[in-house]
Structure formats: structure tokens, C-alpha cells
Amino acid sequence: MAVAVVGGTLTLYDSADPKCRATRVSAGHAFTEQPNHVHLARNEGKTTARLLIVYLGAPHGESPDQVALPPAQCSAVK
């Protein structure tokens, strides 16, 4: 998955980070995610976060998004 933030700021909490620190991705920046990677992604700002998302290699006709439980180390993130 490739994600471009085209408006506002997206805040990511990564399941690979034992401390679940926030990473902010603002408009004009992008990031990639590997398949089956769990993260929390939220708009914590006052401006609407707008994203352009491309799912690379996703099967045609199937939803590439999967609902997952938040990472255990991120339980304090509110």
C-alpha cells in the first residue's frame, strides 16, 4: 500500500514500535505499508486529513482493508 497525504495531517501509531510513539505525516508527504501490517491511523488535527491510497497487488473485487485489534502496546493511546 502506498499512501499520499494530500490534505491535513495523519497520525500513525506503528505496531512494530514497542513504545507506540506517534508519527505525523503531513500534506505533501507519503509512506508505504507492507501487507498484513497493523497500525493505528487517525486524524488528530483540526483540518480534515485527506489521503490518496493505492493498494499494490490487491485481488480485484476484494476489500484490501482488514479490521484488526489495536496493538497491545498502544492501549494507552486515546
Protein backbone atom coordinates (compact mmCIF):
# COMPACT_ATOMS: atom_id res chain seq x y z
CA MET A 1 0.00 0.00 0.00
CA ALA A 2 1.25 3.46 -0.87
CA VAL A 3 -0.36 6.46 0.85
CA ALA A 4 -0.02 10.14 -0.05
CA VAL A 5 -1.38 12.71 2.40
CA VAL A 6 -2.94 15.41 0.24
CA GLY A 7 -4.55 17.45 3.00
CA GLY A 8 -4.18 17.87 6.75
CA THR A 9 -2.04 15.55 8.86
CA LEU A 10 -2.38 11.82 9.55
CA THR A 11 -1.05 10.45 12.84
CA LEU A 12 0.26 6.86 12.74
CA TYR A 13 0.93 4.52 15.67
CA ASP A 14 3.00 1.56 14.48
CA SER A 15 2.63 -1.97 15.87
CA ALA A 16 6.37 -2.52 15.32
CA ASP A 17 7.21 0.26 17.81
CA PRO A 18 7.28 -1.12 21.39
CA LYS A 19 6.53 2.37 22.79
CA CYS A 20 3.78 3.12 20.26
CA ARG A 21 5.10 6.61 19.52
CA ALA A 22 3.15 8.86 17.19
CA THR A 23 4.45 9.63 13.72
CA ARG A 24 2.78 12.52 11.93
CA VAL A 25 2.60 12.60 8.15
CA SER A 26 1.55 15.98 6.79
CA ALA A 27 0.20 17.06 3.41
CA GLY A 28 2.75 16.66 0.64
CA HIS A 29 4.34 13.57 2.21
CA ALA A 30 3.77 9.86 1.67
CA PHE A 31 4.53 6.47 3.20
CA THR A 32 4.26 2.78 2.35
CA GLU A 33 2.92 -0.16 4.35
CA GLN A 34 3.67 -3.85 3.95
CA PRO A 35 0.80 -6.37 3.67
CA ASN A 36 -0.69 -7.52 7.00
CA HIS A 37 0.99 -4.71 8.93
CA VAL A 38 -1.13 -3.44 11.85
CA HIS A 39 -1.18 0.23 12.76
CA LEU A 40 -3.50 2.87 14.12
CA ALA A 41 -4.05 5.80 11.76
CA ARG A 42 -6.03 8.81 12.92
CA ASN A 43 -6.72 12.41 12.16
CA GLU A 44 -5.84 14.17 15.42
CA GLY A 45 -5.77 17.67 13.93
CA LYS A 46 -8.41 20.27 13.24
CA THR A 47 -8.06 20.04 9.45
CA THR A 48 -9.58 17.12 7.58
CA ALA A 49 -6.91 14.58 6.66
CA ARG A 50 -7.27 13.63 3.01
CA LEU A 51 -5.43 10.61 1.62
CA LEU A 52 -4.72 9.06 -1.75
CA ILE A 53 -4.22 5.30 -1.24
CA VAL A 54 -3.01 2.77 -3.80
CA TYR A 55 -3.24 -0.92 -2.93
CA LEU A 56 -0.49 -2.68 -4.85
CA GLY A 57 -1.22 -6.30 -5.74
CA ALA A 58 -4.66 -6.39 -4.08
CA PRO A 59 -7.02 -9.02 -5.53
CA HIS A 60 -9.65 -7.50 -7.84
CA GLY A 61 -13.07 -7.14 -6.22
CA GLU A 62 -11.91 -7.80 -2.65
CA SER A 63 -11.55 -5.21 0.09
CA PRO A 64 -7.86 -4.81 0.94
CA ASP A 65 -8.67 -3.31 4.36
CA GLN A 66 -8.87 -5.64 7.33
CA VAL A 67 -10.14 -4.65 10.75
CA ALA A 68 -7.64 -5.62 13.45
CA LEU A 69 -7.35 -5.12 17.18
CA PRO A 70 -5.09 -2.22 18.16
CA PRO A 71 -1.55 -3.31 19.04
CA ALA A 72 -1.35 -4.19 22.76
CA GLN A 73 1.43 -1.64 23.43
CA CYS A 74 -0.86 1.09 22.04
CA SER A 75 -3.64 0.55 24.58
CA ALA A 76 -2.83 3.87 26.30
CA VAL A 77 -3.33 5.83 23.05
CA LYS A 78 -6.65 7.64 23.28
